[in-house]
Amino acid sequence: MSVQMVLLPVFVLVGLTLALLLGMTSARAGALKSRQTSLKDVALGKATWPERAAQIGNCYSNQFEIPLLFYILIALALPLRHADLFIVLMSWVFVVTRFAHAGIFVTSNDVQKRSLAWFAGVLVLFAMWIYFALKILLLI
């Protein structure tokens, strides 16, 4: 597998994270400008953001939880030359689940649907880690 094919899903997922960062920044700036919250209220982490700013901020923060295990897997698989077609395909499936999760999070925020998208991503990531571990340990 080429380095570009392995890293493209990573770049797309980083793009999602950066888009959420921009959205969060915009929502928070709007909340400050409209005086829905004040700098004094958020300076010590009391997190009194309005619902929309909190919703996008929570989605952004979530990109540093489960996806961290994905980034670690790719960072290990690539230099060890174990990033094959299965890893690339599953990477794309994982990225799609993250987009679905984020899309639900910042729109309807339907917790049941969001949880399904999150769980699907976790299952994909779990399968990727099992496959990678077996490849490393059993040299398959």
N, C-alpha and C. Protein backbone atom coordinates (compact mmCIF):
# COMPACT_ATOMS: atom_id res chain seq x y z
N MET A 1 0.84 -1.18 0.00
CA MET A 1 0.00 0.00 0.00
C MET A 1 0.89 1.24 0.00
N SER A 2 0.52 2.21 -0.79
CA SER A 2 1.31 3.43 -0.82
C SER A 2 1.05 4.27 0.43
N VAL A 3 2.02 5.08 0.76
CA VAL A 3 1.91 5.96 1.93
C VAL A 3 0.71 6.89 1.76
N GLN A 4 0.50 7.39 0.55
CA GLN A 4 -0.61 8.31 0.29
C GLN A 4 -1.96 7.64 0.56
N MET A 5 -2.10 6.38 0.14
CA MET A 5 -3.37 5.67 0.35
C MET A 5 -3.63 5.43 1.84
N VAL A 6 -2.58 5.17 2.59
CA VAL A 6 -2.71 4.93 4.02
C VAL A 6 -3.02 6.22 4.76
N LEU A 7 -2.39 7.31 4.35
CA LEU A 7 -2.55 8.57 5.07
C LEU A 7 -3.77 9.39 4.66
N LEU A 8 -4.34 9.14 3.48
CA LEU A 8 -5.48 9.94 3.04
C LEU A 8 -6.64 9.90 4.05
N PRO A 9 -7.05 8.74 4.58
CA PRO A 9 -8.12 8.78 5.58
C PRO A 9 -7.73 9.55 6.84
N VAL A 10 -6.47 9.52 7.19
CA VAL A 10 -5.99 10.28 8.34
C VAL A 10 -6.17 11.77 8.07
N PHE A 11 -5.75 12.22 6.88
CA PHE A 11 -5.89 13.63 6.53
C PHE A 11 -7.36 14.07 6.51
N VAL A 12 -8.23 13.19 6.02
CA VAL A 12 -9.66 13.51 5.99
C VAL A 12 -10.20 13.64 7.41
N LEU A 13 -9.79 12.75 8.30
CA LEU A 13 -10.25 12.83 9.70
C LEU A 13 -9.69 14.07 10.39
N VAL A 14 -8.45 14.42 10.10
CA VAL A 14 -7.89 15.66 10.64
C VAL A 14 -8.67 16.85 10.10
N GLY A 15 -9.06 16.79 8.83
CA GLY A 15 -9.88 17.85 8.24
C GLY A 15 -11.20 18.03 8.98
N LEU A 16 -11.84 16.91 9.33
CA LEU A 16 -13.08 16.98 10.12
C LEU A 16 -12.82 17.67 11.46
N THR A 17 -11.74 17.30 12.11
CA THR A 17 -11.40 17.89 13.41
C THR A 17 -11.17 19.40 13.28
N LEU A 18 -10.44 19.79 12.25
CA LEU A 18 -10.18 21.22 12.04
C LEU A 18 -11.46 21.98 11.69
N ALA A 19 -12.35 21.36 10.91
CA ALA A 19 -13.63 22.00 10.59
C ALA A 19 -14.45 22.21 11.86
N LEU A 20 -14.45 21.21 12.74
CA LEU A 20 -15.17 21.35 14.01
C LEU A 20 -14.53 22.43 14.89
N LEU A 21 -13.20 22.53 14.85
CA LEU A 21 -12.50 23.58 15.59
C LEU A 21 -12.96 24.96 15.12
N LEU A 22 -13.03 25.12 13.80
CA LEU A 22 -13.49 26.41 13.25
C LEU A 22 -14.94 26.68 13.64
N GLY A 23 -15.77 25.64 13.56
CA GLY A 23 -17.17 25.80 13.95
C GLY A 23 -17.33 26.16 15.42
N MET A 24 -16.55 25.50 16.26
CA MET A 24 -16.59 25.78 17.69
C MET A 24 -16.13 27.22 17.97
N THR A 25 -15.05 27.61 17.32
CA THR A 25 -14.52 28.96 17.51
C THR A 25 -15.55 30.01 17.10
N SER A 26 -16.19 29.77 15.97
CA SER A 26 -17.21 30.70 15.48
C SER A 26 -18.40 30.76 16.44
N ALA A 27 -18.86 29.61 16.90
CA ALA A 27 -20.01 29.58 17.82
C ALA A 27 -19.67 30.26 19.14
N ARG A 28 -18.47 30.02 19.63
CA ARG A 28 -18.08 30.65 20.90
C ARG A 28 -17.89 32.15 20.75
N ALA A 29 -17.28 32.57 19.64
CA ALA A 29 -17.11 34.00 19.40
C ALA A 29 -18.48 34.68 19.30
N GLY A 30 -19.42 34.02 18.63
CA GLY A 30 -20.77 34.57 18.53
C GLY A 30 -21.45 34.68 19.88
N ALA A 31 -21.24 33.69 20.73
CA ALA A 31 -21.83 33.71 22.07
C ALA A 31 -21.24 34.84 22.91
N LEU A 32 -19.95 35.08 22.75
CA LEU A 32 -19.32 36.18 23.48
C LEU A 32 -19.79 37.53 22.95
N LYS A 33 -19.87 37.64 21.63
CA LYS A 33 -20.28 38.89 21.00
C LYS A 33 -21.72 39.25 21.37
N SER A 34 -22.59 38.25 21.41
CA SER A 34 -24.00 38.50 21.73
C SER A 34 -24.25 38.55 23.25
N ARG A 35 -23.18 38.40 24.01
CA ARG A 35 -23.24 38.44 25.48
C ARG A 35 -24.10 37.32 26.09
N GLN A 36 -24.17 36.18 25.38
CA GLN A 36 -24.85 35.02 25.96
C GLN A 36 -23.97 34.42 27.06
N THR A 37 -22.71 34.71 27.00
CA THR A 37 -21.77 34.33 28.05
C THR A 37 -20.68 35.39 28.08
N SER A 38 -19.86 35.36 29.11
CA SER A 38 -18.79 36.35 29.21
C SER A 38 -17.45 35.65 29.40
N LEU A 39 -16.38 36.36 29.12
CA LEU A 39 -15.05 35.80 29.30
C LEU A 39 -14.82 35.41 30.76
N LYS A 40 -15.37 36.20 31.67
CA LYS A 40 -15.24 35.91 33.10
C LYS A 40 -15.85 34.53 33.43
N ASP A 41 -16.97 34.22 32.78
CA ASP A 41 -17.65 32.95 33.05
C ASP A 41 -16.86 31.74 32.55
N VAL A 42 -16.12 31.91 31.46
CA VAL A 42 -15.42 30.77 30.88
C VAL A 42 -13.93 30.74 31.23
N ALA A 43 -13.43 31.82 31.83
CA ALA A 43 -12.00 31.92 32.11
C ALA A 43 -11.49 30.80 33.02
N LEU A 44 -12.29 30.39 33.97
CA LEU A 44 -11.87 29.35 34.91
C LEU A 44 -12.52 28.00 34.60
N GLY A 45 -13.01 27.86 33.39
CA GLY A 45 -13.55 26.57 32.97
C GLY A 45 -14.94 26.26 33.49
N LYS A 46 -15.71 27.28 33.84
CA LYS A 46 -17.06 27.02 34.32
C LYS A 46 -18.00 26.62 33.17
N ALA A 47 -17.51 26.71 31.95
CA ALA A 47 -18.22 26.26 30.75
C ALA A 47 -19.69 26.64 30.72
N THR A 48 -19.94 27.91 30.59
CA THR A 48 -21.32 28.38 30.51
C THR A 48 -21.67 28.77 29.07
N TRP A 49 -21.18 27.99 28.14
CA TRP A 49 -21.47 28.27 26.73
C TRP A 49 -22.94 27.97 26.46
N PRO A 50 -23.53 28.71 25.54
CA PRO A 50 -24.90 28.38 25.12
C PRO A 50 -24.92 26.98 24.49
N GLU A 51 -26.11 26.42 24.35
CA GLU A 51 -26.26 25.04 23.91
C GLU A 51 -25.54 24.74 22.59
N ARG A 52 -25.70 25.59 21.60
CA ARG A 52 -25.09 25.33 20.29
C ARG A 52 -23.56 25.33 20.37
N ALA A 53 -22.99 26.29 21.07
CA ALA A 53 -21.54 26.35 21.21
C ALA A 53 -21.02 25.15 22.00
N ALA A 54 -21.76 24.74 23.02
CA ALA A 54 -21.36 23.57 23.80
C ALA A 54 -21.46 22.30 22.97
N GLN A 55 -22.49 22.21 22.15
CA GLN A 55 -22.71 21.04 21.29
C GLN A 55 -21.54 20.85 20.33
N ILE A 56 -21.14 21.91 19.65
CA ILE A 56 -20.03 21.81 18.70
C ILE A 56 -18.72 21.60 19.45
N GLY A 57 -18.56 22.26 20.60
CA GLY A 57 -17.35 22.08 21.41
C GLY A 57 -17.20 20.66 21.91
N ASN A 58 -18.30 20.06 22.32
CA ASN A 58 -18.25 18.66 22.79
C ASN A 58 -17.92 17.72 21.63
N CYS A 59 -18.46 18.00 20.47
CA CYS A 59 -18.15 17.16 19.30
C CYS A 59 -16.67 17.29 18.94
N TYR A 60 -16.15 18.51 19.00
CA TYR A 60 -14.72 18.73 18.74
C TYR A 60 -13.87 17.95 19.75
N SER A 61 -14.20 18.06 21.02
CA SER A 61 -13.44 17.35 22.06
C SER A 61 -13.47 15.85 21.85
N ASN A 62 -14.58 15.35 21.36
CA ASN A 62 -14.74 13.92 21.12
C ASN A 62 -13.77 13.40 20.07
N GLN A 63 -13.27 14.29 19.21
CA GLN A 63 -12.33 13.87 18.17
C GLN A 63 -10.95 13.52 18.74
N PHE A 64 -10.76 13.72 20.03
CA PHE A 64 -9.50 13.39 20.68
C PHE A 64 -9.64 12.20 21.64
N GLU A 65 -10.71 11.46 21.47
CA GLU A 65 -10.93 10.28 22.30
C GLU A 65 -10.69 9.02 21.45
N ILE A 66 -11.71 8.42 20.93
CA ILE A 66 -11.57 7.19 20.13
C ILE A 66 -10.64 7.38 18.92
N PRO A 67 -10.72 8.50 18.20
CA PRO A 67 -9.80 8.64 17.04
C PRO A 67 -8.33 8.58 17.41
N LEU A 68 -7.98 8.88 18.65
CA LEU A 68 -6.59 8.79 19.07
C LEU A 68 -6.04 7.37 18.84
N LEU A 69 -6.86 6.37 19.13
CA LEU A 69 -6.43 4.98 18.91
C LEU A 69 -6.25 4.68 17.42
N PHE A 70 -7.04 5.34 16.58
CA PHE A 70 -6.89 5.19 15.14
C PHE A 70 -5.56 5.80 14.69
N TYR A 71 -5.27 7.00 15.16
CA TYR A 71 -4.01 7.66 14.78
C TYR A 71 -2.80 6.83 15.23
N ILE A 72 -2.87 6.28 16.42
CA ILE A 72 -1.77 5.45 16.92
C ILE A 72 -1.59 4.22 16.05
N LEU A 73 -2.69 3.58 15.69
CA LEU A 73 -2.61 2.39 14.85
C LEU A 73 -1.94 2.70 13.52
N ILE A 74 -2.34 3.77 12.88
CA ILE A 74 -1.74 4.13 11.59
C ILE A 74 -0.28 4.50 11.78
N ALA A 75 0.02 5.23 12.85
CA ALA A 75 1.41 5.62 13.12
C ALA A 75 2.31 4.41 13.35
N LEU A 76 1.76 3.33 13.85
CA LEU A 76 2.53 2.10 14.04
C LEU A 76 2.56 1.25 12.77
N ALA A 77 1.41 1.11 12.14
CA ALA A 77 1.29 0.21 10.98
C ALA A 77 2.11 0.70 9.79
N LEU A 78 2.17 1.99 9.59
CA LEU A 78 2.86 2.52 8.42
C LEU A 78 4.37 2.24 8.44
N PRO A 79 5.10 2.65 9.48
CA PRO A 79 6.55 2.37 9.46
C PRO A 79 6.89 0.88 9.60
N LEU A 80 5.99 0.11 10.21
CA LEU A 80 6.23 -1.33 10.35
C LEU A 80 5.82 -2.11 9.10
N ARG A 81 5.33 -1.39 8.12
CA ARG A 81 4.91 -1.97 6.83
C ARG A 81 3.82 -3.03 6.99
N HIS A 82 2.86 -2.72 7.86
CA HIS A 82 1.71 -3.60 8.05
C HIS A 82 0.41 -2.88 7.70
N ALA A 83 0.51 -1.79 6.97
CA ALA A 83 -0.68 -1.06 6.52
C ALA A 83 -1.03 -1.59 5.13
N ASP A 84 -1.90 -2.59 5.12
CA ASP A 84 -2.27 -3.23 3.86
C ASP A 84 -3.67 -2.79 3.43
N LEU A 85 -4.22 -3.46 2.43
CA LEU A 85 -5.53 -3.10 1.89
C LEU A 85 -6.62 -3.16 2.97
N PHE A 86 -6.59 -4.17 3.83
CA PHE A 86 -7.58 -4.28 4.90
C PHE A 86 -7.53 -3.04 5.80
N ILE A 87 -6.35 -2.65 6.20
CA ILE A 87 -6.19 -1.48 7.08
C ILE A 87 -6.72 -0.22 6.38
N VAL A 88 -6.40 -0.06 5.11
CA VAL A 88 -6.85 1.13 4.38
C VAL A 88 -8.37 1.14 4.24
N LEU A 89 -8.95 0.02 3.86
CA LEU A 89 -10.41 -0.05 3.71
C LEU A 89 -11.11 0.20 5.04
N MET A 90 -10.61 -0.43 6.08
CA MET A 90 -11.22 -0.23 7.40
C MET A 90 -11.00 1.20 7.91
N SER A 91 -9.89 1.80 7.52
CA SER A 91 -9.66 3.21 7.87
C SER A 91 -10.77 4.09 7.29
N TRP A 92 -11.11 3.83 6.04
CA TRP A 92 -12.17 4.61 5.41
C TRP A 92 -13.51 4.37 6.08
N VAL A 93 -13.78 3.12 6.45
CA VAL A 93 -15.03 2.83 7.15
C VAL A 93 -15.05 3.57 8.49
N PHE A 94 -13.93 3.56 9.20
CA PHE A 94 -13.84 4.27 10.47
C PHE A 94 -14.08 5.77 10.27
N VAL A 95 -13.46 6.34 9.24
CA VAL A 95 -13.64 7.77 8.97
C VAL A 95 -15.11 8.08 8.65
N VAL A 96 -15.76 7.22 7.90
CA VAL A 96 -17.18 7.43 7.59
C VAL A 96 -18.01 7.41 8.88
N THR A 97 -17.70 6.50 9.78
CA THR A 97 -18.44 6.45 11.06
C THR A 97 -18.20 7.72 11.88
N ARG A 98 -17.00 8.26 11.80
CA ARG A 98 -16.70 9.50 12.54
C ARG A 98 -17.46 10.68 11.93
N PHE A 99 -17.57 10.72 10.60
CA PHE A 99 -18.35 11.78 9.97
C PHE A 99 -19.82 11.64 10.33
N ALA A 100 -20.33 10.41 10.33
CA ALA A 100 -21.72 10.19 10.72
C ALA A 100 -21.95 10.63 12.16
N HIS A 101 -21.04 10.24 13.04
CA HIS A 101 -21.14 10.61 14.45
C HIS A 101 -21.14 12.13 14.62
N ALA A 102 -20.19 12.79 13.96
CA ALA A 102 -20.09 14.25 14.07
C ALA A 102 -21.31 14.93 13.45
N GLY A 103 -21.76 14.40 12.32
CA GLY A 103 -22.93 14.99 11.66
C GLY A 103 -24.17 14.93 12.55
N ILE A 104 -24.37 13.80 13.19
CA ILE A 104 -25.50 13.66 14.11
C ILE A 104 -25.30 14.56 15.32
N PHE A 105 -24.07 14.61 15.81
CA PHE A 105 -23.75 15.39 17.01
C PHE A 105 -24.08 16.87 16.82
N VAL A 106 -23.70 17.44 15.68
CA VAL A 106 -23.87 18.88 15.49
C VAL A 106 -25.20 19.26 14.85
N THR A 107 -26.03 18.27 14.50
CA THR A 107 -27.35 18.60 13.95
C THR A 107 -28.44 18.20 14.96
N SER A 108 -29.03 17.04 14.78
CA SER A 108 -30.13 16.63 15.65
C SER A 108 -29.68 16.28 17.06
N ASN A 109 -28.44 15.85 17.19
CA ASN A 109 -27.87 15.38 18.46
C ASN A 109 -28.73 14.27 19.08
N ASP A 110 -29.29 13.45 18.22
CA ASP A 110 -30.07 12.30 18.66
C ASP A 110 -29.10 11.30 19.29
N VAL A 111 -29.15 11.15 20.59
CA VAL A 111 -28.16 10.36 21.32
C VAL A 111 -28.20 8.89 20.89
N GLN A 112 -29.37 8.37 20.60
CA GLN A 112 -29.46 6.97 20.17
C GLN A 112 -28.75 6.76 18.83
N LYS A 113 -29.02 7.61 17.86
CA LYS A 113 -28.36 7.50 16.56
C LYS A 113 -26.86 7.78 16.68
N ARG A 114 -26.54 8.79 17.47
CA ARG A 114 -25.13 9.14 17.68
C ARG A 114 -24.38 7.98 18.31
N SER A 115 -25.00 7.32 19.27
CA SER A 115 -24.37 6.17 19.93
C SER A 115 -24.14 5.02 18.97
N LEU A 116 -25.08 4.80 18.07
CA LEU A 116 -24.91 3.75 17.07
C LEU A 116 -23.73 4.04 16.16
N ALA A 117 -23.60 5.29 15.72
CA ALA A 117 -22.47 5.67 14.87
C ALA A 117 -21.16 5.52 15.64
N TRP A 118 -21.16 5.93 16.89
CA TRP A 118 -19.97 5.81 17.72
C TRP A 118 -19.59 4.34 17.90
N PHE A 119 -20.58 3.50 18.21
CA PHE A 119 -20.32 2.08 18.45
C PHE A 119 -19.84 1.39 17.18
N ALA A 120 -20.39 1.76 16.04
CA ALA A 120 -19.92 1.20 14.77
C ALA A 120 -18.45 1.52 14.56
N GLY A 121 -18.06 2.75 14.85
CA GLY A 121 -16.66 3.14 14.73
C GLY A 121 -15.77 2.38 15.69
N VAL A 122 -16.25 2.17 16.90
CA VAL A 122 -15.49 1.42 17.90
C VAL A 122 -15.28 -0.02 17.42
N LEU A 123 -16.33 -0.63 16.88
CA LEU A 123 -16.21 -2.01 16.37
C LEU A 123 -15.20 -2.10 15.23
N VAL A 124 -15.23 -1.14 14.32
CA VAL A 124 -14.28 -1.11 13.21
C VAL A 124 -12.87 -0.96 13.74
N LEU A 125 -12.69 -0.05 14.67
CA LEU A 125 -11.36 0.18 15.24
C LEU A 125 -10.87 -1.05 16.00
N PHE A 126 -11.77 -1.70 16.71
CA PHE A 126 -11.43 -2.93 17.43
C PHE A 126 -10.96 -3.99 16.44
N ALA A 127 -11.68 -4.15 15.34
CA ALA A 127 -11.30 -5.13 14.31
C ALA A 127 -9.93 -4.78 13.72
N MET A 128 -9.69 -3.49 13.51
CA MET A 128 -8.40 -3.08 12.97
C MET A 128 -7.26 -3.42 13.93
N TRP A 129 -7.46 -3.17 15.21
CA TRP A 129 -6.43 -3.46 16.20
C TRP A 129 -6.18 -4.97 16.34
N ILE A 130 -7.25 -5.75 16.32
CA ILE A 130 -7.10 -7.21 16.40
C ILE A 130 -6.31 -7.71 15.18
N TYR A 131 -6.69 -7.25 14.01
CA TYR A 131 -6.00 -7.64 12.78
C TYR A 131 -4.52 -7.25 12.84
N PHE A 132 -4.26 -6.02 13.24
CA PHE A 132 -2.88 -5.52 13.32
C PHE A 132 -2.08 -6.34 14.34
N ALA A 133 -2.65 -6.61 15.49
CA ALA A 133 -1.96 -7.38 16.51
C ALA A 133 -1.65 -8.80 16.02
N LEU A 134 -2.60 -9.41 15.34
CA LEU A 134 -2.37 -10.74 14.80
C LEU A 134 -1.29 -10.73 13.73
N LYS A 135 -1.28 -9.70 12.91
CA LYS A 135 -0.24 -9.58 11.89
C LYS A 135 1.14 -9.45 12.53
N ILE A 136 1.23 -8.67 13.57
CA ILE A 136 2.52 -8.45 14.23
C ILE A 136 2.96 -9.68 15.01
N LEU A 137 2.05 -10.23 15.80
CA LEU A 137 2.40 -11.34 16.69
C LEU A 137 2.53 -12.69 15.98
N LEU A 138 1.68 -12.90 15.00
CA LEU A 138 1.67 -14.19 14.30
C LEU A 138 2.30 -14.11 12.92
N LEU A 139 2.69 -12.91 12.54
CA LEU A 139 3.30 -12.67 11.23
C LEU A 139 2.45 -13.21 10.09
N ILE A 140 1.13 -12.91 10.14
CA ILE A 140 0.24 -13.36 9.07
C ILE A 140 0.24 -12.37 7.92
